[in-house]
Amino acid sequence: MVYYFTTKCGTTLYMGKDKYENEDLIRYGHPEDVWFHVDNLSSAHVYLRMKPGMTLDDLTEDQLLACSSLVKANSIQGCKNFKFVFNKIEQMPASRKTVSMWFTQDGKI
């Protein structure tokens, strides 16, 4: 079962907890979905559904924090500091070029 959430700012997030749900998210994702994952560790996939016309540059710090917190909380290693990656789903999996950021123990990106 794929989970979905709506953030305070009205953004819809989807999350798969295992490899089967993650595959469903990839298969049925929309072109405006953005994929989030912990870099080089097993973790949930989180998808943020962008509004039409948005780009990756339009993502807010709150949206990045919500997605990175979910992938961290649902990673196989709940590490304190970790690197997470994200990219538009339309560029996945053929293009593994991703944006990466660090999430620190004190909840800063």
N, C-alpha and C. Protein backbone atom coordinates (compact mmCIF):
# COMPACT_ATOMS: atom_id res chain seq x y z
N MET A 1 0.84 -1.17 0.00
CA MET A 1 0.00 0.00 0.00
C MET A 1 0.89 1.24 0.00
N VAL A 2 0.71 2.09 -0.98
CA VAL A 2 1.45 3.35 -1.06
C VAL A 2 0.78 4.35 -0.12
N TYR A 3 1.58 5.06 0.66
CA TYR A 3 1.08 6.07 1.58
C TYR A 3 1.06 7.43 0.88
N TYR A 4 0.14 8.29 1.28
CA TYR A 4 0.17 9.65 0.77
C TYR A 4 -0.14 10.62 1.90
N PHE A 5 0.42 11.81 1.77
CA PHE A 5 0.33 12.84 2.79
C PHE A 5 0.05 14.17 2.11
N THR A 6 -0.56 15.08 2.81
CA THR A 6 -0.70 16.46 2.35
C THR A 6 -0.02 17.34 3.40
N THR A 7 0.93 18.15 2.96
CA THR A 7 1.68 19.00 3.88
C THR A 7 0.86 20.24 4.25
N LYS A 8 1.37 21.00 5.23
CA LYS A 8 0.69 22.24 5.66
C LYS A 8 0.51 23.21 4.50
N CYS A 9 1.45 23.21 3.57
CA CYS A 9 1.36 24.16 2.45
C CYS A 9 0.56 23.59 1.28
N GLY A 10 -0.06 22.41 1.47
CA GLY A 10 -0.93 21.85 0.43
C GLY A 10 -0.24 20.97 -0.59
N THR A 11 1.01 20.62 -0.37
CA THR A 11 1.75 19.76 -1.28
C THR A 11 1.39 18.30 -1.01
N THR A 12 1.17 17.52 -2.07
CA THR A 12 0.89 16.10 -1.92
C THR A 12 2.18 15.30 -2.04
N LEU A 13 2.41 14.40 -1.07
CA LEU A 13 3.57 13.52 -1.06
C LEU A 13 3.09 12.09 -1.09
N TYR A 14 3.82 11.23 -1.80
CA TYR A 14 3.54 9.80 -1.86
C TYR A 14 4.79 9.07 -1.38
N MET A 15 4.59 7.94 -0.68
CA MET A 15 5.74 7.20 -0.17
C MET A 15 5.51 5.70 -0.31
N GLY A 16 6.54 5.02 -0.80
CA GLY A 16 6.55 3.56 -0.83
C GLY A 16 7.49 3.06 0.25
N LYS A 17 7.09 2.03 0.98
CA LYS A 17 7.92 1.56 2.09
C LYS A 17 8.79 0.36 1.73
N ASP A 18 8.53 -0.30 0.59
CA ASP A 18 9.37 -1.43 0.21
C ASP A 18 9.60 -1.39 -1.30
N LYS A 19 10.40 -2.33 -1.78
CA LYS A 19 10.78 -2.27 -3.20
C LYS A 19 9.59 -2.42 -4.14
N TYR A 20 8.55 -3.14 -3.72
CA TYR A 20 7.38 -3.32 -4.57
C TYR A 20 6.59 -2.02 -4.68
N GLU A 21 6.39 -1.35 -3.57
CA GLU A 21 5.68 -0.07 -3.60
C GLU A 21 6.51 0.99 -4.32
N ASN A 22 7.83 0.96 -4.14
CA ASN A 22 8.70 1.90 -4.84
C ASN A 22 8.60 1.71 -6.35
N GLU A 23 8.53 0.43 -6.79
CA GLU A 23 8.38 0.15 -8.23
C GLU A 23 7.05 0.68 -8.76
N ASP A 24 5.97 0.54 -7.96
CA ASP A 24 4.67 1.08 -8.37
C ASP A 24 4.72 2.59 -8.52
N LEU A 25 5.41 3.26 -7.60
CA LEU A 25 5.53 4.71 -7.68
C LEU A 25 6.26 5.13 -8.95
N ILE A 26 7.31 4.42 -9.30
CA ILE A 26 8.05 4.73 -10.53
C ILE A 26 7.16 4.48 -11.74
N ARG A 27 6.47 3.36 -11.74
CA ARG A 27 5.64 2.97 -12.89
C ARG A 27 4.48 3.93 -13.12
N TYR A 28 3.82 4.37 -12.04
CA TYR A 28 2.60 5.17 -12.18
C TYR A 28 2.79 6.65 -11.85
N GLY A 29 4.01 7.07 -11.70
CA GLY A 29 4.27 8.47 -11.38
C GLY A 29 3.90 9.41 -12.51
N HIS A 30 3.64 10.64 -12.16
CA HIS A 30 3.32 11.69 -13.12
C HIS A 30 4.61 12.43 -13.51
N PRO A 31 4.64 13.04 -14.69
CA PRO A 31 5.84 13.78 -15.10
C PRO A 31 6.23 14.91 -14.14
N GLU A 32 5.25 15.46 -13.41
CA GLU A 32 5.56 16.56 -12.49
C GLU A 32 5.98 16.07 -11.10
N ASP A 33 6.06 14.75 -10.91
CA ASP A 33 6.49 14.20 -9.62
C ASP A 33 8.00 14.32 -9.46
N VAL A 34 8.44 14.58 -8.24
CA VAL A 34 9.86 14.66 -7.92
C VAL A 34 10.18 13.52 -6.96
N TRP A 35 11.19 12.73 -7.30
CA TRP A 35 11.61 11.54 -6.55
C TRP A 35 12.66 11.92 -5.52
N PHE A 36 12.50 11.45 -4.28
CA PHE A 36 13.47 11.67 -3.19
C PHE A 36 13.91 10.32 -2.64
N HIS A 37 15.19 10.22 -2.27
CA HIS A 37 15.75 8.98 -1.74
C HIS A 37 17.01 9.31 -0.96
N VAL A 38 17.33 8.49 0.05
CA VAL A 38 18.62 8.63 0.73
C VAL A 38 19.68 8.11 -0.23
N ASP A 39 20.77 8.84 -0.39
CA ASP A 39 21.82 8.47 -1.32
C ASP A 39 22.61 7.26 -0.80
N ASN A 40 22.74 6.25 -1.64
CA ASN A 40 23.56 5.06 -1.37
C ASN A 40 23.12 4.24 -0.17
N LEU A 41 21.89 4.37 0.28
CA LEU A 41 21.34 3.55 1.36
C LEU A 41 19.94 3.11 0.98
N SER A 42 19.51 2.00 1.55
CA SER A 42 18.14 1.54 1.33
C SER A 42 17.20 2.47 2.09
N SER A 43 16.20 2.98 1.40
CA SER A 43 15.22 3.85 2.05
C SER A 43 13.93 3.86 1.24
N ALA A 44 12.91 4.44 1.85
CA ALA A 44 11.65 4.64 1.15
C ALA A 44 11.87 5.60 -0.01
N HIS A 45 11.03 5.48 -1.03
CA HIS A 45 10.98 6.48 -2.08
C HIS A 45 9.87 7.45 -1.69
N VAL A 46 10.13 8.72 -1.82
CA VAL A 46 9.12 9.75 -1.57
C VAL A 46 8.97 10.56 -2.85
N TYR A 47 7.74 10.81 -3.23
CA TYR A 47 7.44 11.59 -4.43
C TYR A 47 6.64 12.82 -4.03
N LEU A 48 7.07 13.95 -4.51
CA LEU A 48 6.37 15.21 -4.30
C LEU A 48 5.70 15.56 -5.61
N ARG A 49 4.41 15.82 -5.57
CA ARG A 49 3.67 16.20 -6.77
C ARG A 49 3.71 17.71 -6.92
N MET A 50 4.52 18.19 -7.90
CA MET A 50 4.61 19.63 -8.14
C MET A 50 3.36 20.12 -8.86
N LYS A 51 3.05 21.38 -8.65
CA LYS A 51 1.94 22.01 -9.37
C LYS A 51 2.39 22.31 -10.80
N PRO A 52 1.46 22.35 -11.75
CA PRO A 52 1.83 22.64 -13.14
C PRO A 52 2.65 23.93 -13.25
N GLY A 53 3.70 23.87 -14.04
CA GLY A 53 4.55 25.05 -14.26
C GLY A 53 5.70 25.17 -13.28
N MET A 54 5.70 24.36 -12.21
CA MET A 54 6.79 24.43 -11.23
C MET A 54 8.04 23.74 -11.78
N THR A 55 9.19 24.19 -11.29
CA THR A 55 10.46 23.53 -11.60
C THR A 55 11.12 23.13 -10.28
N LEU A 56 12.21 22.39 -10.37
CA LEU A 56 12.94 22.01 -9.17
C LEU A 56 13.40 23.23 -8.38
N ASP A 57 13.70 24.31 -9.08
CA ASP A 57 14.14 25.54 -8.42
C ASP A 57 13.04 26.17 -7.57
N ASP A 58 11.77 25.81 -7.84
CA ASP A 58 10.64 26.39 -7.12
C ASP A 58 10.34 25.66 -5.80
N LEU A 59 11.01 24.53 -5.55
CA LEU A 59 10.76 23.80 -4.31
C LEU A 59 11.20 24.63 -3.11
N THR A 60 10.36 24.67 -2.09
CA THR A 60 10.68 25.46 -0.91
C THR A 60 11.49 24.63 0.09
N GLU A 61 12.11 25.31 1.04
CA GLU A 61 12.86 24.60 2.07
C GLU A 61 11.93 23.70 2.88
N ASP A 62 10.69 24.14 3.13
CA ASP A 62 9.73 23.31 3.86
C ASP A 62 9.41 22.02 3.11
N GLN A 63 9.26 22.12 1.79
CA GLN A 63 9.00 20.93 0.99
C GLN A 63 10.19 19.98 1.01
N LEU A 64 11.40 20.53 0.88
CA LEU A 64 12.61 19.70 0.94
C LEU A 64 12.76 19.04 2.30
N LEU A 65 12.45 19.78 3.35
CA LEU A 65 12.56 19.25 4.71
C LEU A 65 11.54 18.13 4.94
N ALA A 66 10.31 18.30 4.46
CA ALA A 66 9.28 17.27 4.62
C ALA A 66 9.69 15.98 3.92
N CYS A 67 10.17 16.10 2.69
CA CYS A 67 10.56 14.91 1.92
C CYS A 67 11.81 14.25 2.50
N SER A 68 12.80 15.05 2.84
CA SER A 68 14.03 14.47 3.38
C SER A 68 13.79 13.84 4.75
N SER A 69 12.89 14.39 5.54
CA SER A 69 12.55 13.80 6.84
C SER A 69 11.89 12.44 6.66
N LEU A 70 11.01 12.32 5.66
CA LEU A 70 10.36 11.03 5.41
C LEU A 70 11.34 9.97 4.93
N VAL A 71 12.25 10.33 4.02
CA VAL A 71 13.20 9.31 3.56
C VAL A 71 14.17 8.93 4.68
N LYS A 72 14.53 9.89 5.52
CA LYS A 72 15.42 9.58 6.65
C LYS A 72 14.72 8.65 7.63
N ALA A 73 13.49 8.98 8.01
CA ALA A 73 12.75 8.18 8.99
C ALA A 73 12.47 6.77 8.49
N ASN A 74 12.45 6.60 7.17
CA ASN A 74 12.13 5.30 6.58
C ASN A 74 13.31 4.70 5.85
N SER A 75 14.51 5.02 6.32
CA SER A 75 15.71 4.40 5.74
C SER A 75 16.12 3.23 6.61
N ILE A 76 16.87 2.31 6.01
CA ILE A 76 17.31 1.13 6.74
C ILE A 76 18.30 1.49 7.83
N GLN A 77 19.00 2.59 7.66
CA GLN A 77 19.92 3.10 8.67
C GLN A 77 19.47 4.50 9.01
N GLY A 78 18.90 4.69 10.17
CA GLY A 78 18.45 6.03 10.57
C GLY A 78 19.64 6.88 10.97
N CYS A 79 20.49 7.20 9.98
CA CYS A 79 21.72 7.91 10.27
C CYS A 79 21.43 9.37 10.65
N LYS A 80 22.34 9.94 11.39
CA LYS A 80 22.14 11.29 11.88
C LYS A 80 22.30 12.33 10.78
N ASN A 81 23.38 12.27 10.05
CA ASN A 81 23.61 13.15 8.91
C ASN A 81 23.58 12.27 7.67
N PHE A 82 22.88 12.67 6.65
CA PHE A 82 22.86 11.86 5.44
C PHE A 82 22.67 12.75 4.23
N LYS A 83 23.01 12.20 3.11
CA LYS A 83 22.85 12.88 1.84
C LYS A 83 21.60 12.31 1.18
N PHE A 84 20.72 13.18 0.69
CA PHE A 84 19.57 12.70 -0.05
C PHE A 84 19.62 13.25 -1.46
N VAL A 85 18.97 12.53 -2.36
CA VAL A 85 18.98 12.91 -3.77
C VAL A 85 17.54 13.08 -4.24
N PHE A 86 17.36 13.92 -5.25
CA PHE A 86 16.03 14.08 -5.84
C PHE A 86 16.15 14.49 -7.29
N ASN A 87 15.12 14.17 -8.05
CA ASN A 87 15.07 14.51 -9.47
C ASN A 87 13.64 14.34 -9.94
N LYS A 88 13.29 14.95 -11.07
CA LYS A 88 11.96 14.76 -11.65
C LYS A 88 11.83 13.32 -12.12
N ILE A 89 10.67 12.72 -11.89
CA ILE A 89 10.46 11.33 -12.24
C ILE A 89 10.57 11.10 -13.74
N GLU A 90 10.22 12.08 -14.55
CA GLU A 90 10.29 11.89 -16.00
C GLU A 90 11.73 11.66 -16.45
N GLN A 91 12.70 11.97 -15.61
CA GLN A 91 14.10 11.74 -15.94
C GLN A 91 14.63 10.48 -15.26
N MET A 92 13.77 9.72 -14.62
CA MET A 92 14.15 8.50 -13.93
C MET A 92 13.56 7.32 -14.68
N PRO A 93 14.10 6.12 -14.63
CA PRO A 93 15.43 5.80 -14.14
C PRO A 93 16.52 5.94 -15.20
N ALA A 94 16.13 6.30 -16.42
CA ALA A 94 17.12 6.39 -17.50
C ALA A 94 18.26 7.34 -17.15
N SER A 95 17.93 8.46 -16.56
CA SER A 95 18.95 9.42 -16.16
C SER A 95 19.11 9.39 -14.66
N ARG A 96 20.24 9.01 -14.18
CA ARG A 96 20.49 8.99 -12.75
C ARG A 96 21.13 10.29 -12.28
N LYS A 97 21.09 11.31 -13.13
CA LYS A 97 21.58 12.62 -12.72
C LYS A 97 20.60 13.17 -11.70
N THR A 98 21.08 13.47 -10.54
CA THR A 98 20.22 13.94 -9.48
C THR A 98 20.83 15.14 -8.78
N VAL A 99 19.99 15.86 -8.08
CA VAL A 99 20.44 16.94 -7.21
C VAL A 99 20.66 16.28 -5.85
N SER A 100 21.72 16.63 -5.16
CA SER A 100 21.93 16.05 -3.84
C SER A 100 22.12 17.16 -2.81
N MET A 101 21.68 16.87 -1.58
CA MET A 101 21.79 17.82 -0.48
C MET A 101 22.05 17.03 0.79
N TRP A 102 22.62 17.69 1.77
CA TRP A 102 22.85 17.08 3.07
C TRP A 102 21.76 17.49 4.04
N PHE A 103 21.33 16.53 4.85
CA PHE A 103 20.36 16.76 5.91
C PHE A 103 21.09 16.48 7.21
N THR A 104 21.17 17.44 8.11
CA THR A 104 21.97 17.27 9.33
C THR A 104 21.11 16.83 10.49
N GLN A 105 21.77 16.39 11.55
CA GLN A 105 21.10 15.89 12.73
C GLN A 105 20.13 16.90 13.34
N ASP A 106 20.46 18.18 13.24
CA ASP A 106 19.60 19.20 13.82
C ASP A 106 18.47 19.64 12.88
N GLY A 107 18.25 18.88 11.80
CA GLY A 107 17.13 19.13 10.90
C GLY A 107 17.34 20.24 9.91
N LYS A 108 18.59 20.55 9.60
CA LYS A 108 18.87 21.61 8.61
C LYS A 108 19.31 20.99 7.30
N ILE A 109 18.94 21.68 6.23
CA ILE A 109 19.32 21.22 4.89
C ILE A 109 20.50 22.06 4.42
